PDB file of N, CA and C in Angstrom:
ATOM      1  N   UNK A   1       0.858  -1.330  -0.057  1.00  0.00           N
ATOM      2  CA  UNK A   1       0.183  -0.283  -0.025  1.00  0.00           C
ATOM      3  C   UNK A   1       0.668   1.346   0.146  1.00  0.00           C
ATOM      4  N   UNK A   2       1.187   2.264  -1.070  1.00  0.00           N
ATOM      5  CA  UNK A   2       1.117   2.902  -1.127  1.00  0.00           C
ATOM      6  C   UNK A   2       1.474   4.149   0.075  1.00  0.00           C
ATOM      7  N   UNK A   3       2.083   4.515   0.956  1.00  0.00           N
ATOM      8  CA  UNK A   3       2.395   5.798   2.119  1.00  0.00           C
ATOM      9  C   UNK A   3       1.899   6.764   1.886  1.00  0.00           C
ATOM     10  N   UNK A   4       1.509   7.463   0.278  1.00  0.00           N
ATOM     11  CA  UNK A   4       1.026   8.326   0.105  1.00  0.00           C
ATOM     12  C   UNK A   4      -0.746   8.433   0.672  1.00  0.00           C
ATOM     13  N   UNK A   5      -1.099   7.405   0.059  1.00  0.00           N
ATOM     14  CA  UNK A   5      -2.471   7.160   0.123  1.00  0.00           C
ATOM     15  C   UNK A   5      -2.956   6.835   1.534  1.00  0.00           C
ATOM     16  N   UNK A   6      -2.197   6.308   2.090  1.00  0.00           N
ATOM     17  CA  UNK A   6      -2.449   5.745   3.297  1.00  0.00           C
ATOM     18  C   UNK A   6      -1.906   7.237   4.139  1.00  0.00           C
ATOM     19  N   UNK A   7      -1.555   7.942   4.325  1.00  0.00           N
ATOM     20  CA  UNK A   7      -1.316   9.434   4.941  1.00  0.00           C
ATOM     21  C   UNK A   7      -2.546  10.286   4.581  1.00  0.00           C
ATOM     22  N   UNK A   8      -2.986  10.052   3.666  1.00  0.00           N
ATOM     23  CA  UNK A   8      -4.090  11.111   2.740  1.00  0.00           C
ATOM     24  C   UNK A   8      -5.276  10.533   3.788  1.00  0.00           C
ATOM     25  N   UNK A   9      -5.773   9.210   3.619  1.00  0.00           N
ATOM     26  CA  UNK A   9      -6.726   8.534   4.196  1.00  0.00           C
ATOM     27  C   UNK A   9      -6.675   8.906   5.595  1.00  0.00           C
ATOM     28  N   UNK A  10      -5.614   8.751   6.415  1.00  0.00           N
ATOM     29  CA  UNK A  10      -5.880   8.985   7.831  1.00  0.00           C
ATOM     30  C   UNK A  10      -5.548  10.155   8.733  1.00  0.00           C
ATOM     31  N   UNK A  11      -5.142  11.532   7.578  1.00  0.00           N
ATOM     32  CA  UNK A  11      -5.002  13.151   7.990  1.00  0.00           C
ATOM     33  C   UNK A  11      -6.631  13.430   7.885  1.00  0.00           C
ATOM     34  N   UNK A  12      -7.232  12.872   6.510  1.00  0.00           N
ATOM     35  CA  UNK A  12      -8.604  13.249   6.489  1.00  0.00           C
ATOM     36  C   UNK A  12      -9.339  12.927   7.155  1.00  0.00           C
ATOM     37  N   UNK A  13      -9.379  11.259   8.092  1.00  0.00           N
ATOM     38  CA  UNK A  13      -9.861  10.962   9.682  1.00  0.00           C
ATOM     39  C   UNK A  13      -9.784  11.902  10.264  1.00  0.00           C
ATOM     40  N   UNK A  14      -8.615  12.367  10.666  1.00  0.00           N
ATOM     41  CA  UNK A  14      -7.953  13.090  11.398  1.00  0.00           C
ATOM     42  C   UNK A  14      -8.468  14.739  11.726  1.00  0.00           C
ATOM     43  N   UNK A  15      -8.924  14.839  10.643  1.00  0.00           N
ATOM     44  CA  UNK A  15      -9.166  16.277  10.085  1.00  0.00           C
ATOM     45  C   UNK A  15     -11.128  16.425  10.503  1.00  0.00           C
ATOM     46  N   UNK A  16     -11.692  15.298   9.801  1.00  0.00           N
ATOM     47  CA  UNK A  16     -13.419  15.377  10.539  1.00  0.00           C
ATOM     48  C   UNK A  16     -13.362  15.000  11.904  1.00  0.00           C
ATOM     49  N   UNK A  17     -12.300  14.658  12.420  1.00  0.00           N
ATOM     50  CA  UNK A  17     -12.684  14.559  14.068  1.00  0.00           C
ATOM     51  C   UNK A  17     -12.373  15.319  14.249  1.00  0.00           C
ATOM     52  N   UNK A  18     -11.724  16.164  14.341  1.00  0.00           N
ATOM     53  CA  UNK A  18     -11.491  17.856  14.689  1.00  0.00           C
ATOM     54  C   UNK A  18     -12.521  18.781  14.009  1.00  0.00           C
ATOM     55  N   UNK A  19     -13.136  18.973  12.932  1.00  0.00           N
ATOM     56  CA  UNK A  19     -14.186  19.921  12.854  1.00  0.00           C
ATOM     57  C   UNK A  19     -15.235  19.363  13.922  1.00  0.00           C
ATOM     58  N   UNK A  20     -15.916  17.985  13.761  1.00  0.00           N
ATOM     59  CA  UNK A  20     -16.605  17.379  14.366  1.00  0.00           C
ATOM     60  C   UNK A  20     -16.468  17.732  15.400  1.00  0.00           C
ATOM     61  N   UNK A  21     -15.606  18.312  16.266  1.00  0.00           N
ATOM     62  CA  UNK A  21     -15.313  18.389  18.193  1.00  0.00           C
ATOM     63  C   UNK A  21     -15.736  20.035  17.720  1.00  0.00           C
ATOM     64  N   UNK A  22     -14.717  20.285  16.779  1.00  0.00           N
ATOM     65  CA  UNK A  22     -15.241  22.395  16.729  1.00  0.00           C
ATOM     66  C   UNK A  22     -16.407  22.480  16.405  1.00  0.00           C
ATOM     67  N   UNK A  23     -17.524  22.137  15.917  1.00  0.00           N
ATOM     68  CA  UNK A  23     -18.617  22.323  15.914  1.00  0.00           C
ATOM     69  C   UNK A  23     -19.950  22.133  16.964  1.00  0.00           C
ATOM     70  N   UNK A  24     -19.444  22.834  17.654  1.00  0.00           N
ATOM     71  CA  UNK A  24     -19.790  22.917  19.702  1.00  0.00           C
ATOM     72  C   UNK A  24     -21.539  23.028  19.197  1.00  0.00           C
ATOM     73  N   UNK A  25     -21.512  23.705  18.207  1.00  0.00           N
ATOM     74  CA  UNK A  25     -23.025  24.457  18.248  1.00  0.00           C
ATOM     75  C   UNK A  25     -23.999  23.721  17.297  1.00  0.00           C
ATOM     76  N   UNK A  26     -23.490  22.729  16.628  1.00  0.00           N
ATOM     77  CA  UNK A  26     -24.594  21.973  15.928  1.00  0.00           C
ATOM     78  C   UNK A  26     -24.872  22.316  14.800  1.00  0.00           C
ATOM     79  N   UNK A  27     -23.936  23.739  14.033  1.00  0.00           N
ATOM     80  CA  UNK A  27     -24.219  24.510  12.834  1.00  0.00           C
ATOM     81  C   UNK A  27     -24.127  23.543  11.334  1.00  0.00           C
ATOM     82  N   UNK A  28     -22.871  22.690  11.654  1.00  0.00           N
ATOM     83  CA  UNK A  28     -22.875  21.810  10.172  1.00  0.00           C
ATOM     84  C   UNK A  28     -22.714  20.405  10.428  1.00  0.00           C
ATOM     85  N   UNK A  29     -23.505  19.831  11.629  1.00  0.00           N
ATOM     86  CA  UNK A  29     -24.010  18.820  12.073  1.00  0.00           C
ATOM     87  C   UNK A  29     -24.014  17.718  11.114  1.00  0.00           C
ATOM     88  N   UNK A  30     -25.401  18.034  10.194  1.00  0.00           N
ATOM     89  CA  UNK A  30     -26.100  17.009   9.108  1.00  0.00           C
ATOM     90  C   UNK A  30     -24.731  17.225   8.144  1.00  0.00           C
ATOM     91  N   UNK A  31     -24.001  18.148   7.685  1.00  0.00           N
ATOM     92  CA  UNK A  31     -23.126  18.089   6.704  1.00  0.00           C
ATOM     93  C   UNK A  31     -21.828  17.100   7.084  1.00  0.00           C
ATOM     94  N   UNK A  32     -21.721  17.231   8.317  1.00  0.00           N
ATOM     95  CA  UNK A  32     -20.523  16.650   8.863  1.00  0.00           C
ATOM     96  C   UNK A  32     -20.812  14.901   8.883  1.00  0.00           C
ATOM     97  N   UNK A  33     -22.312  14.720   9.032  1.00  0.00           N
ATOM     98  CA  UNK A  33     -23.037  13.431   9.128  1.00  0.00           C
ATOM     99  C   UNK A  33     -22.670  12.699   7.635  1.00  0.00           C
ATOM    100  N   UNK A  34     -22.967  13.540   6.470  1.00  0.00           N
ATOM    101  CA  UNK A  34     -22.984  13.514   5.368  1.00  0.00           C
ATOM    102  C   UNK A  34     -21.702  12.563   5.094  1.00  0.00           C
ATOM    103  N   UNK A  35     -20.307  13.696   5.727  1.00  0.00           N
ATOM    104  CA  UNK A  35     -19.110  13.450   4.947  1.00  0.00           C
ATOM    105  C   UNK A  35     -18.301  12.290   5.743  1.00  0.00           C
ATOM    106  N   UNK A  36     -19.146  12.060   6.935  1.00  0.00           N
ATOM    107  CA  UNK A  36     -18.779  10.829   7.612  1.00  0.00           C
ATOM    108  C   UNK A  36     -18.787   9.427   7.065  1.00  0.00           C
ATOM    109  N   UNK A  37     -19.974   9.761   6.604  1.00  0.00           N
ATOM    110  CA  UNK A  37     -20.137   8.323   5.631  1.00  0.00           C
ATOM    111  C   UNK A  37     -19.511   8.343   4.510  1.00  0.00           C
ATOM    112  N   UNK A  38     -19.779   9.316   3.649  1.00  0.00           N
ATOM    113  CA  UNK A  38     -18.946   9.217   2.755  1.00  0.00           C
ATOM    114  C   UNK A  38     -17.619   9.172   2.678  1.00  0.00           C
ATOM    115  N   UNK A  39     -16.848   9.297   4.084  1.00  0.00           N
ATOM    116  CA  UNK A  39     -15.263   9.026   4.325  1.00  0.00           C
ATOM    117  C   UNK A  39     -15.282   7.120   4.851  1.00  0.00           C
ATOM    118  N   UNK A  40     -16.402   6.731   5.291  1.00  0.00           N
ATOM    119  CA  UNK A  40     -16.294   5.381   5.666  1.00  0.00           C
ATOM    120  C   UNK A  40     -16.541   4.738   4.512  1.00  0.00           C
ATOM    121  N   UNK A  41     -17.359   5.427   3.371  1.00  0.00           N
ATOM    122  CA  UNK A  41     -17.531   4.687   2.295  1.00  0.00           C
ATOM    123  C   UNK A  41     -16.040   4.774   1.445  1.00  0.00           C
ATOM    124  N   UNK A  42     -15.207   5.654   1.577  1.00  0.00           N
ATOM    125  CA  UNK A  42     -14.279   5.543   0.896  1.00  0.00           C
ATOM    126  C   UNK A  42     -13.167   4.894   1.338  1.00  0.00           C
ATOM    127  N   UNK A  43     -13.362   4.538   2.880  1.00  0.00           N
ATOM    128  CA  UNK A  43     -12.604   3.966   3.301  1.00  0.00           C
ATOM    129  C   UNK A  43     -12.372   2.124   3.338  1.00  0.00           C
ATOM    130  N   UNK A  44     -13.772   2.244   3.055  1.00  0.00           N
ATOM    131  CA  UNK A  44     -13.900   0.729   2.629  1.00  0.00           C
ATOM    132  C   UNK A  44     -13.378   0.338   0.485  1.00  0.00           C
ATOM    133  N   UNK A  45     -14.088   1.153   0.554  1.00  0.00           N
ATOM    134  CA  UNK A  45     -12.990   0.954  -0.623  1.00  0.00           C
ATOM    135  C   UNK A  45     -11.794   1.145  -0.502  1.00  0.00           C
ATOM    136  N   UNK A  46     -10.958   2.107   0.022  1.00  0.00           N
ATOM    137  CA  UNK A  46      -9.145   2.356  -0.176  1.00  0.00           C
ATOM    138  C   UNK A  46      -9.241   0.699   0.380  1.00  0.00           C
ATOM    139  N   UNK A  47      -9.687   0.186   1.272  1.00  0.00           N
ATOM    140  CA  UNK A  47      -9.108  -1.161   2.109  1.00  0.00           C
ATOM    141  C   UNK A  47      -9.445  -2.238   0.962  1.00  0.00           C
ATOM    142  N   UNK A  48     -10.101  -1.687  -0.142  1.00  0.00           N
ATOM    143  CA  UNK A  48     -10.805  -3.425  -0.992  1.00  0.00           C
ATOM    144  C   UNK A  48      -9.893  -3.254  -2.040  1.00  0.00           C
ATOM    145  N   UNK A  49      -8.990  -1.826  -2.418  1.00  0.00           N
ATOM    146  CA  UNK A  49      -8.392  -2.001  -3.824  1.00  0.00           C
ATOM    147  C   UNK A  49      -7.032  -2.706  -3.522  1.00  0.00           C
ATOM    148  N   UNK A  50      -6.969  -3.283  -4.555  1.00  0.00           N
ATOM    149  CA  UNK A  50      -5.174  -3.888  -4.322  1.00  0.00           C
ATOM    150  C   UNK A  50      -4.805  -2.522  -4.866  1.00  0.00           C
ATOM    151  N   UNK A  51      -3.245  -2.580  -4.153  1.00  0.00           N
ATOM    152  CA  UNK A  51      -1.946  -1.224  -4.440  1.00  0.00           C
ATOM    153  C   UNK A  51      -1.735  -1.324  -6.064  1.00  0.00           C
ATOM    154  N   UNK A  52      -2.163  -2.234  -6.510  1.00  0.00           N
ATOM    155  CA  UNK A  52      -1.317  -1.722  -7.729  1.00  0.00           C
ATOM    156  C   UNK A  52      -2.738  -1.093  -8.449  1.00  0.00           C
ATOM    157  N   UNK A  53      -3.800  -1.190  -8.308  1.00  0.00           N
ATOM    158  CA  UNK A  53      -4.671  -0.462  -9.221  1.00  0.00           C
ATOM    159  C   UNK A  53      -4.661   1.079  -8.706  1.00  0.00           C
ATOM    160  N   UNK A  54      -3.664   1.813  -9.874  1.00  0.00           N
ATOM    161  CA  UNK A  54      -2.891   3.094  -9.320  1.00  0.00           C
ATOM    162  C   UNK A  54      -4.640   3.820  -9.923  1.00  0.00           C
ATOM    163  N   UNK A  55      -4.921   3.699 -10.442  1.00  0.00           N
ATOM    164  CA  UNK A  55      -6.397   4.227 -11.359  1.00  0.00           C
ATOM    165  C   UNK A  55      -7.157   4.834  -9.763  1.00  0.00           C
ATOM    166  N   UNK A  56      -7.649   3.456  -9.479  1.00  0.00           N
ATOM    167  CA  UNK A  56      -8.351   3.113  -8.394  1.00  0.00           C
ATOM    168  C   UNK A  56      -8.409   3.961  -7.464  1.00  0.00           C
ATOM    169  N   UNK A  57      -7.187   4.115  -7.018  1.00  0.00           N
ATOM    170  CA  UNK A  57      -5.800   4.767  -5.894  1.00  0.00           C
ATOM    171  C   UNK A  57      -6.391   6.279  -5.804  1.00  0.00           C
ATOM    172  N   UNK A  58      -5.655   7.145  -7.443  1.00  0.00           N
ATOM    173  CA  UNK A  58      -6.134   7.625  -7.659  1.00  0.00           C
ATOM    174  C   UNK A  58      -7.414   8.557  -7.387  1.00  0.00           C
ATOM    175  N   UNK A  59      -8.506   7.495  -7.847  1.00  0.00           N
ATOM    176  CA  UNK A  59     -10.065   8.364  -7.655  1.00  0.00           C
ATOM    177  C   UNK A  59     -10.278   8.390  -6.467  1.00  0.00           C
ATOM    178  N   UNK A  60     -10.127   7.506  -5.513  1.00  0.00           N
ATOM    179  CA  UNK A  60     -10.140   7.648  -4.604  1.00  0.00           C
ATOM    180  C   UNK A  60      -9.999   8.711  -3.323  1.00  0.00           C
ATOM    181  N   UNK A  61      -8.338   9.091  -4.001  1.00  0.00           N
ATOM    182  CA  UNK A  61      -7.273  10.173  -3.375  1.00  0.00           C
ATOM    183  C   UNK A  61      -7.780  11.618  -4.002  1.00  0.00           C
ATOM    184  N   UNK A  62      -8.470  12.012  -4.969  1.00  0.00           N
ATOM    185  CA  UNK A  62      -9.073  12.989  -5.616  1.00  0.00           C
ATOM    186  C   UNK A  62     -10.349  13.069  -4.593  1.00  0.00           C
ATOM    187  N   UNK A  63     -11.053  12.260  -4.552  1.00  0.00           N
ATOM    188  CA  UNK A  63     -12.075  12.206  -3.599  1.00  0.00           C
ATOM    189  C   UNK A  63     -12.098  12.601  -2.272  1.00  0.00           C
ATOM    190  N   UNK A  64     -10.960  12.449  -1.593  1.00  0.00           N
ATOM    191  CA  UNK A  64     -10.351  12.344  -0.397  1.00  0.00           C
ATOM    192  C   UNK A  64     -10.007  14.491  -0.436  1.00  0.00           C
ATOM    193  N   UNK A  65      -9.358  14.534  -1.253  1.00  0.00           N
ATOM    194  CA  UNK A  65      -8.973  15.676  -1.643  1.00  0.00           C
ATOM    195  C   UNK A  65      -9.912  16.620  -1.592  1.00  0.00           C
ATOM    196  N   UNK A  66     -10.576  16.234  -2.021  1.00  0.00           N
ATOM    197  CA  UNK A  66     -12.245  17.135  -2.192  1.00  0.00           C
ATOM    198  C   UNK A  66     -12.670  17.208  -1.045  1.00  0.00           C
ATOM    199  N   UNK A  67     -13.104  16.300  -0.580  1.00  0.00           N
ATOM    200  CA  UNK A  67     -13.556  16.772   1.218  1.00  0.00           C
ATOM    201  C   UNK A  67     -12.463  17.184   1.835  1.00  0.00           C
ATOM    202  N   UNK A  68     -11.139  16.748   2.116  1.00  0.00           N
ATOM    203  CA  UNK A  68     -10.327  17.785   2.791  1.00  0.00           C
ATOM    204  C   UNK A  68     -10.615  18.893   2.579  1.00  0.00           C
ATOM    205  N   UNK A  69     -10.389  19.761   1.615  1.00  0.00           N
ATOM    206  CA  UNK A  69     -10.645  20.849   0.999  1.00  0.00           C
ATOM    207  C   UNK A  69     -12.135  21.677   1.610  1.00  0.00           C
ATOM    208  N   UNK A  70     -13.054  20.825   1.421  1.00  0.00           N
ATOM    209  CA  UNK A  70     -14.801  21.350   2.423  1.00  0.00           C
ATOM    210  C   UNK A  70     -14.440  21.091   3.984  1.00  0.00           C
ATOM    211  N   UNK A  71     -13.674  20.301   3.859  1.00  0.00           N
ATOM    212  CA  UNK A  71     -13.454  20.024   5.552  1.00  0.00           C
ATOM    213  C   UNK A  71     -12.670  21.760   6.272  1.00  0.00           C
ATOM    214  N   UNK A  72     -11.851  21.445   5.333  1.00  0.00           N
ATOM    215  CA  UNK A  72     -10.239  22.753   5.980  1.00  0.00           C
ATOM    216  C   UNK A  72     -12.063  24.100   5.684  1.00  0.00           C
ATOM    217  N   UNK A  73     -12.589  24.664   4.847  1.00  0.00           N
ATOM    218  CA  UNK A  73     -13.101  25.493   4.834  1.00  0.00           C
ATOM    219  C   UNK A  73     -14.012  25.720   6.121  1.00  0.00           C
ATOM    220  N   UNK A  74     -15.251  24.001   6.115  1.00  0.00           N
ATOM    221  CA  UNK A  74     -15.727  24.501   7.383  1.00  0.00           C
ATOM    222  C   UNK A  74     -15.081  24.704   8.653  1.00  0.00           C
ATOM    223  N   UNK A  75     -13.447  24.423   8.547  1.00  0.00           N
ATOM    224  CA  UNK A  75     -13.124  24.526  10.053  1.00  0.00           C
ATOM    225  C   UNK A  75     -12.916  26.115  10.066  1.00  0.00           C
ATOM    226  N   UNK A  76     -12.559  26.963   9.468  1.00  0.00           N
ATOM    227  CA  UNK A  76     -12.336  28.076   8.988  1.00  0.00           C
ATOM    228  C   UNK A  76     -13.499  28.909   9.542  1.00  0.00           C
ATOM    229  N   UNK A  77     -13.983  28.184   8.944  1.00  0.00           N
ATOM    230  CA  UNK A  77     -15.725  28.672   9.375  1.00  0.00           C
ATOM    231  C   UNK A  77     -16.256  28.741  10.656  1.00  0.00           C
ATOM    232  N   UNK A  78     -16.023  27.366  11.595  1.00  0.00           N
ATOM    233  CA  UNK A  78     -16.051  27.278  12.871  1.00  0.00           C
ATOM    234  C   UNK A  78     -15.352  27.845  14.013  1.00  0.00           C
ATOM    235  N   UNK A  79     -13.582  28.149  13.531  1.00  0.00           N
ATOM    236  CA  UNK A  79     -13.019  29.239  13.768  1.00  0.00           C
ATOM    237  C   UNK A  79     -12.905  30.411  13.820  1.00  0.00           C
ATOM    238  N   UNK A  80     -13.674  30.908  12.798  1.00  0.00           N
ATOM    239  CA  UNK A  80     -13.798  32.468  13.110  1.00  0.00           C
ATOM    240  C   UNK A  80     -14.688  32.659  13.887  1.00  0.00           C
ATOM    241  N   UNK A  81     -15.682  31.764  13.533  1.00  0.00           N
ATOM    242  CA  UNK A  81     -16.964  32.023  14.358  1.00  0.00           C
ATOM    243  C   UNK A  81     -16.645  32.236  16.047  1.00  0.00           C
ATOM    244  N   UNK A  82     -15.558  31.501  16.616  1.00  0.00           N
ATOM    245  CA  UNK A  82     -14.701  30.935  17.750  1.00  0.00           C
ATOM    246  C   UNK A  82     -14.911  32.707  18.394  1.00  0.00           C
TER     247      UNK A  82
END
């Protein structure tokens, strides 16, 4: 398994966890729940993909990067409001 993809997966999970914690007033709870479900599906797909299937890994990585961008934006919004 490529270390880059594993780090991307783990850091996205950590970012999702942190956004969940910072959303104390539950302003974004619905979107966080949807992202949590999507992350779970991506994690299952990631674990099922053969590490030699580079194109499938790249598709999962692209989705994770999109998710990370949204999570970063959400975190900025939550921190700005705090």
